[in-house]
Protein backbone atom coordinates (compact mmCIF):
# COMPACT_ATOMS: atom_id res chain seq x y z
CA MET A 1 -1.49 -56.51 36.45
CA GLU A 2 -3.41 -57.55 33.36
CA TRP A 3 -2.51 -61.23 33.48
CA LEU A 4 -5.33 -62.42 31.26
CA THR A 5 -4.10 -60.26 28.35
CA LEU A 6 -1.15 -62.67 28.08
CA SER A 7 1.11 -59.77 27.17
CA GLN A 8 4.89 -59.80 27.49
CA THR A 9 4.60 -57.27 30.32
CA GLY A 10 1.96 -59.40 32.07
CA PHE A 11 4.15 -62.49 31.98
CA GLN A 12 7.19 -60.56 33.18
CA GLY A 13 5.17 -59.20 36.10
CA ALA A 14 3.88 -62.68 36.90
CA ALA A 15 7.42 -64.03 36.71
CA ARG A 16 8.54 -61.45 39.29
CA TYR A 17 5.69 -62.41 41.65
CA LEU A 18 6.43 -66.10 41.28
CA LEU A 19 10.18 -65.64 41.72
CA GLY A 20 9.65 -63.56 44.86
CA MET A 21 7.26 -66.12 46.33
CA ARG A 22 9.55 -69.04 45.55
CA LEU A 23 12.67 -67.40 46.90
CA ALA A 24 10.77 -66.45 50.07
CA ILE A 25 9.63 -70.06 50.48
CA VAL A 26 13.15 -71.43 49.93
CA THR A 27 14.53 -68.93 52.47
CA ILE A 28 11.89 -69.91 55.02
CA MET A 29 12.59 -73.62 54.45
CA LEU A 30 16.34 -73.21 54.87
CA LEU A 31 15.94 -71.04 57.97
CA ALA A 32 13.54 -73.59 59.45
CA ILE A 33 16.03 -76.40 58.88
CA ALA A 34 18.85 -74.34 60.39
CA VAL A 35 16.86 -73.31 63.46
CA THR A 36 15.27 -76.67 64.16
CA GLU A 37 18.54 -78.50 63.69
CA THR A 38 19.73 -76.97 66.94
CA PHE A 39 16.64 -78.18 68.82
CA ILE A 40 15.21 -81.19 66.99
CA THR A 41 16.76 -84.09 65.10
CA LEU A 42 15.08 -84.24 61.70
CA SER A 43 14.86 -87.47 59.81
CA HIS A 44 15.89 -87.25 56.14
CA ARG A 45 17.39 -83.79 56.49
CA ALA A 46 19.56 -84.33 53.37
CA GLU A 47 16.43 -84.88 51.27
CA ALA A 48 14.87 -81.74 52.71
CA LEU A 49 17.96 -79.72 51.80
CA LEU A 50 18.02 -81.19 48.27
CA LEU A 51 14.37 -80.23 47.83
CA CYS A 52 15.23 -76.65 48.83
CA LEU A 53 17.98 -76.63 46.20
CA ALA A 54 15.64 -78.07 43.55
CA TYR A 55 13.01 -75.51 44.45
CA GLY A 56 15.52 -72.66 44.13
CA VAL A 57 16.58 -73.96 40.69
CA LEU A 58 12.91 -74.22 39.65
CA ALA A 59 12.32 -70.64 40.77
CA THR A 60 15.19 -69.35 38.64
CA LEU A 61 14.36 -71.45 35.56
CA ALA A 62 10.68 -70.54 35.66
CA TRP A 63 11.56 -66.86 36.01
CA LEU A 64 13.89 -67.07 32.99
CA TRP A 65 11.28 -68.95 30.99
CA PHE A 66 8.40 -66.56 31.73
CA THR A 67 10.49 -63.44 31.06
CA ARG A 68 12.23 -64.64 27.91
CA ARG A 69 9.64 -66.92 26.29
CA PRO A 70 6.16 -66.09 27.51
CA PRO A 71 3.74 -68.99 27.08
CA GLN A 72 0.69 -68.53 24.86
CA SER A 73 -1.78 -69.76 27.50
CA ILE A 74 -2.33 -69.56 31.23
CA LEU A 75 -1.91 -73.32 31.72
CA PRO A 76 1.90 -73.26 32.23
CA ALA A 77 1.52 -70.76 35.07
CA THR A 78 -1.10 -72.96 36.72
CA MET A 79 1.09 -76.03 36.25
CA THR A 80 4.12 -74.33 37.82
CA LEU A 81 2.00 -73.30 40.81
CA GLY A 82 0.89 -76.94 41.09
CA LEU A 83 4.55 -77.95 41.02
CA ASP A 84 5.18 -75.42 43.79
CA LEU A 85 2.55 -77.19 45.90
CA LEU A 86 4.11 -80.59 45.20
CA LEU A 87 7.63 -79.43 46.11
CA ILE A 88 6.41 -77.80 49.32
CA GLY A 89 4.46 -80.98 50.10
CA CYS A 90 7.56 -83.14 49.53
CA TRP A 91 9.61 -80.88 51.79
CA LEU A 92 6.93 -81.06 54.47
CA TYR A 93 6.83 -84.86 54.08
CA ASN A 94 10.52 -84.99 54.99
CA THR A 95 10.25 -82.54 57.87
CA GLY A 96 7.38 -83.80 59.97
CA GLY A 97 4.45 -83.60 57.56
CA TYR A 98 1.33 -82.00 58.95
CA THR A 99 2.99 -81.66 62.36
CA ASN A 100 5.44 -79.15 60.86
CA PRO A 101 4.26 -75.67 61.87
CA LEU A 102 5.26 -74.39 58.42
CA VAL A 103 2.54 -76.46 56.76
CA SER A 104 0.80 -73.19 55.96
CA LEU A 105 3.47 -72.58 53.31
CA LEU A 106 1.01 -74.46 51.12
CA LEU A 107 -1.15 -71.32 51.18
CA LEU A 108 1.41 -69.08 49.46
CA PRO A 109 1.01 -70.56 45.96
CA LEU A 110 -2.75 -70.29 46.45
CA ALA A 111 -2.54 -66.61 47.30
CA ILE A 112 -0.43 -65.99 44.19
CA ALA A 113 -2.76 -68.15 42.08
CA LEU A 114 -5.77 -66.09 43.11
CA VAL A 115 -4.15 -63.05 41.58
CA LEU A 116 -2.42 -64.57 38.55
CA VAL A 117 -4.65 -67.31 37.14
CA PRO A 118 -8.36 -67.67 36.38
CA LEU A 119 -10.61 -68.53 39.31
CA ASN A 120 -11.35 -72.09 38.11
CA HIS A 121 -7.59 -72.82 38.01
CA ALA A 122 -7.21 -71.34 41.50
CA ILE A 123 -10.02 -73.57 42.75
CA GLY A 124 -8.26 -76.62 41.26
CA LEU A 125 -5.01 -75.62 42.99
CA THR A 126 -6.91 -75.14 46.26
CA ILE A 127 -8.31 -78.66 46.01
CA GLY A 128 -4.80 -79.92 45.28
CA SER A 129 -3.35 -78.16 48.32
CA VAL A 130 -6.04 -79.56 50.60
CA LEU A 131 -5.35 -83.02 49.15
CA ILE A 132 -1.60 -82.62 49.80
CA TYR A 133 -2.26 -81.50 53.39
CA THR A 134 -4.61 -84.45 53.90
CA LEU A 135 -2.03 -86.90 52.50
CA LEU A 136 0.59 -85.39 54.84
CA MET A 137 -1.72 -86.31 57.72
CA LEU A 138 -1.57 -89.94 56.60
CA TRP A 139 2.05 -90.22 55.40
CA HIS A 140 5.08 -88.25 56.54
CA GLN A 141 8.51 -88.69 58.05
CA PRO A 142 8.09 -87.98 61.76
CA ILE A 143 10.52 -85.76 63.57
CA SER A 144 12.16 -86.96 66.72
CA SER A 145 12.79 -84.75 69.71
CA ASP A 146 15.68 -86.51 71.38
CA THR A 147 17.78 -83.50 72.21
CA ILE A 148 16.54 -80.52 74.16
CA PHE A 149 12.90 -81.50 74.55
CA ALA A 150 13.52 -85.00 75.91
CA THR A 151 11.56 -85.82 79.04
CA ARG A 152 12.82 -87.73 82.03
CA SER A 153 11.84 -91.39 82.03
CA GLY A 154 9.09 -91.97 84.52
CA ALA A 155 8.33 -88.26 84.87
CA ILE A 156 5.09 -88.64 82.97
CA SER A 157 2.59 -91.27 83.92
CA ALA A 158 0.85 -93.35 81.26
CA MET A 159 -2.45 -91.57 81.89
CA ALA A 160 -0.95 -88.12 81.50
CA HIS A 161 0.91 -89.27 78.40
CA ASN A 162 -2.32 -90.50 76.78
CA HIS A 163 -4.08 -87.27 77.70
CA GLY A 164 -1.24 -85.27 76.14
CA ALA A 165 -1.32 -87.43 73.02
CA ASN A 166 -5.07 -86.88 72.67
CA LEU A 167 -4.63 -83.11 73.05
CA ALA A 168 -1.81 -83.13 70.51
CA GLN A 169 -3.96 -85.07 68.03
CA LEU A 170 -6.84 -82.66 68.58
CA HIS A 171 -4.47 -79.75 67.96
CA LEU A 172 -3.21 -81.27 64.71
CA ILE A 173 -6.71 -81.96 63.43
CA GLY A 174 -7.61 -78.38 64.34
CA MET A 175 -4.65 -77.17 62.28
CA TRP A 176 -6.01 -79.11 59.31
CA VAL A 177 -9.51 -77.66 59.71
CA THR A 178 -8.03 -74.17 59.96
CA PHE A 179 -5.99 -74.75 56.80
CA VAL A 180 -9.04 -75.92 54.84
CA LEU A 181 -11.13 -72.96 56.02
CA THR A 182 -8.34 -70.50 55.23
CA ALA A 183 -7.90 -71.97 51.75
CA VAL A 184 -11.63 -71.72 51.04
CA ILE A 185 -11.77 -68.15 52.39
CA LEU A 186 -8.83 -67.19 50.18
CA VAL A 187 -10.61 -68.57 47.13
CA LEU A 188 -13.93 -66.95 47.95
CA ALA A 189 -12.75 -63.58 49.18
CA VAL A 190 -9.44 -62.81 47.53
CA GLY A 191 -10.22 -64.71 44.36
CA ILE A 192 -13.46 -62.89 43.71
CA LEU A 193 -11.85 -59.54 44.50
CA ALA A 194 -8.85 -60.24 42.27
CA HIS A 195 -10.96 -61.28 39.30
């Protein structure tokens, strides 16, 4: 796709890619809420559902806008991908933050950006996604596991509990490092190949 020509056909193709990505993300989010609701009690589940709805509306409106009134510059496409990252980040905030295994959804707008926008815009979006992930490490609504995964009181000693907590923290930090490395690899490898 010749995105940089800013042709009507280029914007319509980009709109299809963006719509497909966004609808896939909304579907994944809704499925995750439905599946986890049977196993885990999520805090702020209404907000998470409203974010899915808002994201679906954004996907449709952006698709209509790009196909009917193509912008004259690449900046609106970059800004909508940035908005994608923010909406995914807000959804993750309400569903466990960086402990949510779907935190890698933040990589999907980056993958699309590497194909659709100039490399310097993709690098800016990559920095933004790493910043969002990092902020989710500091602030998020924790999930509680009161239902199926509850442990018996007294079944775990304090020492074993601390050891498990340390391993869990190490795992979460490892997830962050993996995310950062994956984002950088996407920019370096896919971005250079795409452009």
